[in-house]
């Protein structure tokens, strides 16, 4: 397994090296692994990164998402891909991208919540008719995959409230039926999906188009909404994010007043997804849930006692 990983890293390093004109220097970031997860391995070489996507990635959908990321209508919103000489490695689709500086996790006060909200609003306003045909946004499918991963991990006491909350969601939020809405959606919005490009002070851009597609734009607000509802995101930060989204003309929620009639179901779904992944990881690592993980499981327990659709007045 390690030998396969090492081979993949070397091959991705070569892809990144070939994606931009290379300037030889001793300080070059050669073969630096930025991420290595089942859903993607990312390697940096100098000013470019190369990504091997998940083995089960649907190739036609992947190509459509890359084409949209490169489209002029998305300039200034999505980081555009770089051309690559190979379409895949070891049966996994491959893409290359300019290197961008990520959000600094050590400086939470400087987190670009307003910039993220404005980018998401801008994405939602892009007319789909002007773009290459997009598949459905993969947010609900990703939530369903998290629940399946929890089930496969084995028994855990916390799984019961998570599954109970999951059962109360409508079919579309569980990836079992077509969802509402036909806006261009990112599908997995969080601060880890932003980079500055150029890295030395350029504007913030959205990255990672693996879940990009047409769907309910409220899904892209659901993660911060879920964190706020669970008590993990300060009300002032949530108001900054929501206010910036509304100020930028985002269509996912009303321009003023209560946003929860639109956010309730997606926020519940993201809470379940987060809790399911937490339980699965705790089983795999043979450890107890930490404080944050317990918080999202407790939120699932509250969700399980609430009405199943959109009858709740506010955050659950």
Protein backbone atom coordinates (compact mmCIF):
# COMPACT_ATOMS: atom_id res chain seq x y z
CA UNK A 1 0.00 0.00 0.00
CA UNK A 2 2.78 2.44 0.90
CA UNK A 3 4.59 1.61 -2.33
CA UNK A 4 1.43 2.43 -4.31
CA UNK A 5 1.08 5.72 -2.45
CA UNK A 6 4.70 6.64 -3.09
CA UNK A 7 4.29 5.85 -6.78
CA UNK A 8 1.14 7.97 -7.01
CA UNK A 9 2.88 10.89 -5.29
CA UNK A 10 5.79 10.72 -7.74
CA UNK A 11 3.42 10.58 -10.71
CA UNK A 12 1.36 13.50 -9.42
CA UNK A 13 4.53 15.48 -8.83
CA UNK A 14 5.40 14.94 -12.50
CA UNK A 15 1.92 16.07 -13.57
CA UNK A 16 2.19 19.26 -11.51
CA UNK A 17 5.73 19.88 -12.76
CA UNK A 18 4.53 19.67 -16.35
CA UNK A 19 1.45 21.86 -15.83
CA UNK A 20 3.33 25.18 -15.60
CA UNK A 21 6.67 26.39 -16.96
CA UNK A 22 9.17 25.10 -14.42
CA UNK A 23 11.85 27.31 -12.95
CA UNK A 24 14.49 25.14 -11.32
CA UNK A 25 15.34 26.26 -7.81
CA UNK A 26 16.47 24.61 -4.61
CA UNK A 27 13.46 26.00 -2.75
CA UNK A 28 10.97 24.41 -5.16
CA UNK A 29 8.09 22.68 -3.34
CA UNK A 30 8.71 19.34 -5.05
CA UNK A 31 6.50 16.37 -4.24
CA UNK A 32 4.90 17.96 -1.19
CA UNK A 33 1.71 16.06 -0.27
CA UNK A 34 -1.02 18.55 0.62
CA UNK A 35 -3.77 15.96 1.12
CA UNK A 36 -4.06 12.19 0.99
CA UNK A 37 -7.58 10.89 1.57
CA UNK A 38 -9.74 8.22 -0.09
CA UNK A 39 -11.54 10.96 -2.04
CA UNK A 40 -8.37 12.66 -3.31
CA UNK A 41 -4.59 12.89 -3.18
CA UNK A 42 -3.07 16.34 -3.82
CA UNK A 43 0.62 16.99 -4.48
CA UNK A 44 2.36 20.33 -4.94
CA UNK A 45 5.29 21.08 -7.20
CA UNK A 46 6.32 24.72 -7.31
CA UNK A 47 3.45 26.89 -8.55
CA UNK A 48 1.13 24.00 -9.39
CA UNK A 49 -0.71 21.18 -7.66
CA UNK A 50 -1.97 17.93 -9.13
CA UNK A 51 -4.89 15.93 -7.78
CA UNK A 52 -5.84 12.28 -8.20
CA UNK A 53 -9.58 12.15 -7.68
CA UNK A 54 -11.56 9.33 -6.08
CA UNK A 55 -11.41 6.00 -7.94
CA UNK A 56 -15.20 5.93 -8.39
CA UNK A 57 -15.35 9.42 -9.95
CA UNK A 58 -17.71 9.47 -12.95
CA UNK A 59 -15.41 10.54 -15.78
CA UNK A 60 -17.97 12.41 -17.91
CA UNK A 61 -19.23 14.38 -14.89
CA UNK A 62 -15.64 15.12 -13.87
CA UNK A 63 -14.85 16.53 -17.31
CA UNK A 64 -18.01 18.66 -17.24
CA UNK A 65 -17.04 20.13 -13.88
CA UNK A 66 -13.54 20.96 -15.09
CA UNK A 67 -14.98 22.62 -18.19
CA UNK A 68 -17.22 24.80 -16.03
CA UNK A 69 -14.33 25.73 -13.73
CA UNK A 70 -12.42 26.92 -16.79
CA UNK A 71 -15.34 28.89 -18.24
CA UNK A 72 -15.00 32.70 -18.46
CA UNK A 73 -18.28 33.17 -16.56
CA UNK A 74 -16.59 31.66 -13.50
CA UNK A 75 -13.45 33.80 -13.70
CA UNK A 76 -12.86 35.42 -10.34
CA UNK A 77 -15.08 32.87 -8.59
CA UNK A 78 -13.56 29.43 -9.15
CA UNK A 79 -9.85 28.71 -9.46
CA UNK A 80 -9.43 27.57 -13.10
CA UNK A 81 -7.69 24.26 -13.87
CA UNK A 82 -4.40 23.90 -15.72
CA UNK A 83 -3.98 21.69 -18.79
CA UNK A 84 -2.54 18.23 -18.11
CA UNK A 85 -0.88 15.68 -20.36
CA UNK A 86 -2.70 12.74 -18.81
CA UNK A 87 -6.33 12.27 -17.91
CA UNK A 88 -5.77 9.64 -15.26
CA UNK A 89 -3.38 7.65 -13.09
CA UNK A 90 -4.08 4.15 -11.82
CA UNK A 91 -7.71 4.38 -12.87
CA UNK A 92 -8.22 7.71 -11.10
CA UNK A 93 -9.00 10.96 -12.96
CA UNK A 94 -6.28 13.59 -12.60
CA UNK A 95 -6.42 17.38 -12.69
CA UNK A 96 -3.88 20.18 -12.17
CA UNK A 97 -4.36 23.63 -10.65
CA UNK A 98 -2.38 26.76 -9.84
CA UNK A 99 -1.12 26.74 -6.28
CA UNK A 100 -3.06 29.07 -4.00
CA UNK A 101 -2.47 30.00 -0.36
CA UNK A 102 -5.11 28.43 1.92
CA UNK A 103 -6.92 29.98 4.88
CA UNK A 104 -4.65 30.07 7.92
CA UNK A 105 -6.20 27.73 10.55
CA UNK A 106 -4.04 29.37 13.20
CA UNK A 107 -5.66 32.78 12.74
CA UNK A 108 -9.44 32.25 13.10
CA UNK A 109 -10.10 35.98 13.55
CA UNK A 110 -8.83 36.58 10.01
CA UNK A 111 -11.01 33.87 8.45
CA UNK A 112 -12.53 35.28 5.23
CA UNK A 113 -16.20 34.64 6.03
CA UNK A 114 -17.46 37.66 4.09
CA UNK A 115 -15.29 36.87 1.08
CA UNK A 116 -16.47 33.25 1.11
CA UNK A 117 -20.12 34.34 1.25
CA UNK A 118 -19.66 36.78 -1.64
CA UNK A 119 -17.99 34.10 -3.79
CA UNK A 120 -20.79 31.63 -3.09
CA UNK A 121 -23.42 34.26 -3.92
CA UNK A 122 -21.61 35.06 -7.16
CA UNK A 123 -21.51 31.37 -8.07
CA UNK A 124 -25.24 31.00 -7.42
CA UNK A 125 -26.03 33.94 -9.69
CA UNK A 126 -24.24 32.48 -12.72
CA UNK A 127 -26.86 31.48 -15.34
CA UNK A 128 -26.55 27.73 -15.98
CA UNK A 129 -27.68 28.20 -19.58
CA UNK A 130 -24.40 29.96 -20.33
CA UNK A 131 -22.26 27.04 -19.16
CA UNK A 132 -21.47 23.51 -20.34
CA UNK A 133 -24.09 21.04 -19.11
CA UNK A 134 -23.57 20.22 -15.46
CA UNK A 135 -24.60 17.09 -13.52
CA UNK A 136 -26.54 17.39 -10.26
CA UNK A 137 -24.74 18.87 -7.27
CA UNK A 138 -23.34 16.02 -5.14
CA UNK A 139 -24.04 17.39 -1.65
CA UNK A 140 -26.87 14.98 -0.76
CA UNK A 141 -24.97 12.04 -2.25
CA UNK A 142 -21.99 12.97 -0.10
CA UNK A 143 -24.17 13.01 3.02
CA UNK A 144 -25.53 9.57 2.11
CA UNK A 145 -21.98 8.29 1.65
CA UNK A 146 -21.05 9.52 5.14
CA UNK A 147 -23.98 7.65 6.67
CA UNK A 148 -23.06 4.50 4.74
CA UNK A 149 -19.49 4.81 5.99
CA UNK A 150 -20.75 5.05 9.59
CA UNK A 151 -22.92 1.96 9.15
CA UNK A 152 -20.02 0.02 7.66
CA UNK A 153 -17.66 1.02 10.48
CA UNK A 154 -19.51 -1.13 13.00
CA UNK A 155 -21.67 -0.61 16.08
CA UNK A 156 -21.42 2.57 18.14
CA UNK A 157 -23.80 4.02 20.70
CA UNK A 158 -23.81 7.40 18.96
CA UNK A 159 -24.99 5.92 15.66
CA UNK A 160 -28.60 5.66 16.87
CA UNK A 161 -29.39 9.41 17.13
CA UNK A 162 -27.50 10.04 13.88
CA UNK A 163 -29.60 7.47 12.01
CA UNK A 164 -32.78 8.77 13.64
CA UNK A 165 -32.01 12.30 12.43
CA UNK A 166 -31.17 10.93 8.97
CA UNK A 167 -34.51 9.13 8.74
CA UNK A 168 -36.39 12.40 9.34
CA UNK A 169 -34.87 14.11 6.32
CA UNK A 170 -36.80 14.24 3.04
CA UNK A 171 -35.69 11.81 0.32
CA UNK A 172 -33.92 14.48 -1.76
CA UNK A 173 -31.67 15.47 1.15
CA UNK A 174 -30.65 11.80 1.51
CA UNK A 175 -29.73 11.57 -2.17
CA UNK A 176 -32.69 9.30 -2.90
CA UNK A 177 -34.67 11.64 -5.17
CA UNK A 178 -34.03 14.66 -7.38
CA UNK A 179 -33.51 17.78 -5.30
CA UNK A 180 -35.10 21.21 -5.60
CA UNK A 181 -33.43 24.11 -7.35
CA UNK A 182 -31.30 24.43 -10.46
CA UNK A 183 -28.63 26.93 -9.43
CA UNK A 184 -24.92 26.36 -9.98
CA UNK A 185 -23.77 25.06 -6.59
CA UNK A 186 -20.36 24.22 -5.18
CA UNK A 187 -21.71 21.33 -3.11
CA UNK A 188 -19.16 21.37 -0.27
CA UNK A 189 -18.57 24.91 0.96
CA UNK A 190 -16.26 25.46 3.93
CA UNK A 191 -13.19 27.59 4.61
CA UNK A 192 -10.88 24.83 3.42
CA UNK A 193 -12.29 25.39 -0.06
CA UNK A 194 -10.78 28.87 -0.41
CA UNK A 195 -7.32 29.89 -1.55
CA UNK A 196 -5.62 33.14 -2.47
CA UNK A 197 -4.34 33.20 -6.02
CA UNK A 198 -1.75 34.44 -6.67
CA UNK A 199 -0.61 33.07 -3.33
CA UNK A 200 1.15 36.27 -2.30
CA UNK A 201 -1.94 38.36 -1.62
CA UNK A 202 -4.21 37.58 -4.56
CA UNK A 203 -8.01 37.47 -4.28
CA UNK A 204 -9.83 34.59 -2.61
CA UNK A 205 -11.21 31.93 -4.98
CA UNK A 206 -13.23 28.76 -4.49
CA UNK A 207 -11.49 25.44 -5.16
CA UNK A 208 -12.43 21.74 -5.40
CA UNK A 209 -15.16 21.19 -7.98
CA UNK A 210 -15.71 17.48 -7.22
CA UNK A 211 -19.26 18.17 -6.00
CA UNK A 212 -20.07 21.08 -8.33
CA UNK A 213 -23.44 20.86 -10.07
CA UNK A 214 -27.01 22.05 -10.34
CA UNK A 215 -29.14 22.03 -7.23
CA UNK A 216 -30.50 23.87 -4.22
CA UNK A 217 -28.20 26.82 -3.44
CA UNK A 218 -29.18 26.64 0.23
CA UNK A 219 -26.95 23.56 0.47
CA UNK A 220 -23.88 25.76 0.07
CA UNK A 221 -24.88 27.73 3.18
CA UNK A 222 -25.71 24.62 5.18
CA UNK A 223 -22.37 23.88 6.82
CA UNK A 224 -21.96 27.25 8.59
CA UNK A 225 -25.70 27.20 9.31
CA UNK A 226 -25.34 23.77 10.91
CA UNK A 227 -22.33 24.88 12.94
CA UNK A 228 -24.26 27.91 14.16
CA UNK A 229 -27.28 25.81 15.05
CA UNK A 230 -25.10 23.34 16.96
CA UNK A 231 -23.36 26.12 18.88
CA UNK A 232 -20.00 25.64 17.11
CA UNK A 233 -20.05 28.95 15.21
CA UNK A 234 -20.49 32.23 17.06
CA UNK A 235 -23.73 34.08 16.24
CA UNK A 236 -21.73 37.17 15.22
CA UNK A 237 -19.73 35.16 12.69
CA UNK A 238 -22.87 33.54 11.31
CA UNK A 239 -24.47 36.96 10.91
CA UNK A 240 -21.39 38.23 9.11
CA UNK A 241 -21.51 35.30 6.68
CA UNK A 242 -25.26 35.48 6.09
CA UNK A 243 -25.22 39.26 5.78
CA UNK A 244 -22.41 39.20 3.23
CA UNK A 245 -24.24 36.55 1.20
CA UNK A 246 -27.41 38.63 1.16
CA UNK A 247 -25.51 41.83 0.37
CA UNK A 248 -23.99 40.08 -2.65
CA UNK A 249 -27.44 39.18 -3.96
CA UNK A 250 -27.31 35.49 -3.14
CA UNK A 251 -30.59 33.77 -4.11
CA UNK A 252 -30.54 30.88 -1.61
CA UNK A 253 -32.40 32.77 1.14
CA UNK A 254 -34.79 35.75 1.25
CA UNK A 255 -33.11 39.15 1.08
CA UNK A 256 -34.22 39.83 4.66
CA UNK A 257 -36.15 38.19 7.46
CA UNK A 258 -35.93 34.58 8.66
CA UNK A 259 -33.71 32.41 6.42
CA UNK A 260 -34.48 29.10 8.12
CA UNK A 261 -37.39 28.06 5.95
CA UNK A 262 -34.72 27.57 3.25
CA UNK A 263 -31.81 26.45 5.40
CA UNK A 264 -33.43 24.03 7.83
CA UNK A 265 -33.30 20.79 5.82
CA UNK A 266 -29.79 21.32 4.35
CA UNK A 267 -28.45 22.31 7.77
CA UNK A 268 -29.93 19.17 9.32
CA UNK A 269 -28.40 17.06 6.54
CA UNK A 270 -24.94 18.59 7.06
CA UNK A 271 -25.24 18.00 10.80
CA UNK A 272 -25.95 14.33 10.16
CA UNK A 273 -23.10 14.10 7.65
CA UNK A 274 -20.63 15.64 10.10
CA UNK A 275 -21.77 13.41 12.94
CA UNK A 276 -21.71 10.25 10.80
CA UNK A 277 -18.12 10.92 9.73
CA UNK A 278 -17.15 11.62 13.34
CA UNK A 279 -18.62 8.33 14.52
CA UNK A 280 -17.00 6.39 11.67
CA UNK A 281 -13.59 7.89 12.42
CA UNK A 282 -13.89 7.24 16.15
CA UNK A 283 -14.66 3.57 15.48
CA UNK A 284 -11.79 3.22 13.02
CA UNK A 285 -9.36 4.94 15.40
CA UNK A 286 -10.70 3.10 18.48
CA UNK A 287 -11.18 6.26 20.48
CA UNK A 288 -13.95 8.19 22.20
CA UNK A 289 -15.71 11.06 20.48
CA UNK A 290 -14.13 14.41 21.25
CA UNK A 291 -16.01 17.46 22.50
CA UNK A 292 -16.87 18.86 19.07
CA UNK A 293 -17.93 15.44 17.77
CA UNK A 294 -20.19 14.94 20.79
CA UNK A 295 -21.72 18.35 20.07
CA UNK A 296 -22.83 17.36 16.55
CA UNK A 297 -24.12 13.99 17.77
CA UNK A 298 -26.15 15.82 20.43
CA UNK A 299 -27.48 18.09 17.67
CA UNK A 300 -28.63 14.95 15.80
CA UNK A 301 -30.43 13.78 18.92
CA UNK A 302 -32.32 17.10 19.00
CA UNK A 303 -33.07 16.89 15.28
CA UNK A 304 -34.52 13.41 15.78
CA UNK A 305 -37.20 14.85 18.07
CA UNK A 306 -38.23 17.61 15.63
CA UNK A 307 -40.76 17.48 12.80
CA UNK A 308 -39.45 15.72 9.74
CA UNK A 309 -39.88 18.45 7.15
CA UNK A 310 -39.77 22.26 7.32
CA UNK A 311 -42.04 23.01 10.23
CA UNK A 312 -39.31 24.23 12.54
CA UNK A 313 -39.19 27.99 12.96
CA UNK A 314 -35.46 28.36 13.49
CA UNK A 315 -32.16 26.58 13.86
CA UNK A 316 -32.45 23.04 15.16
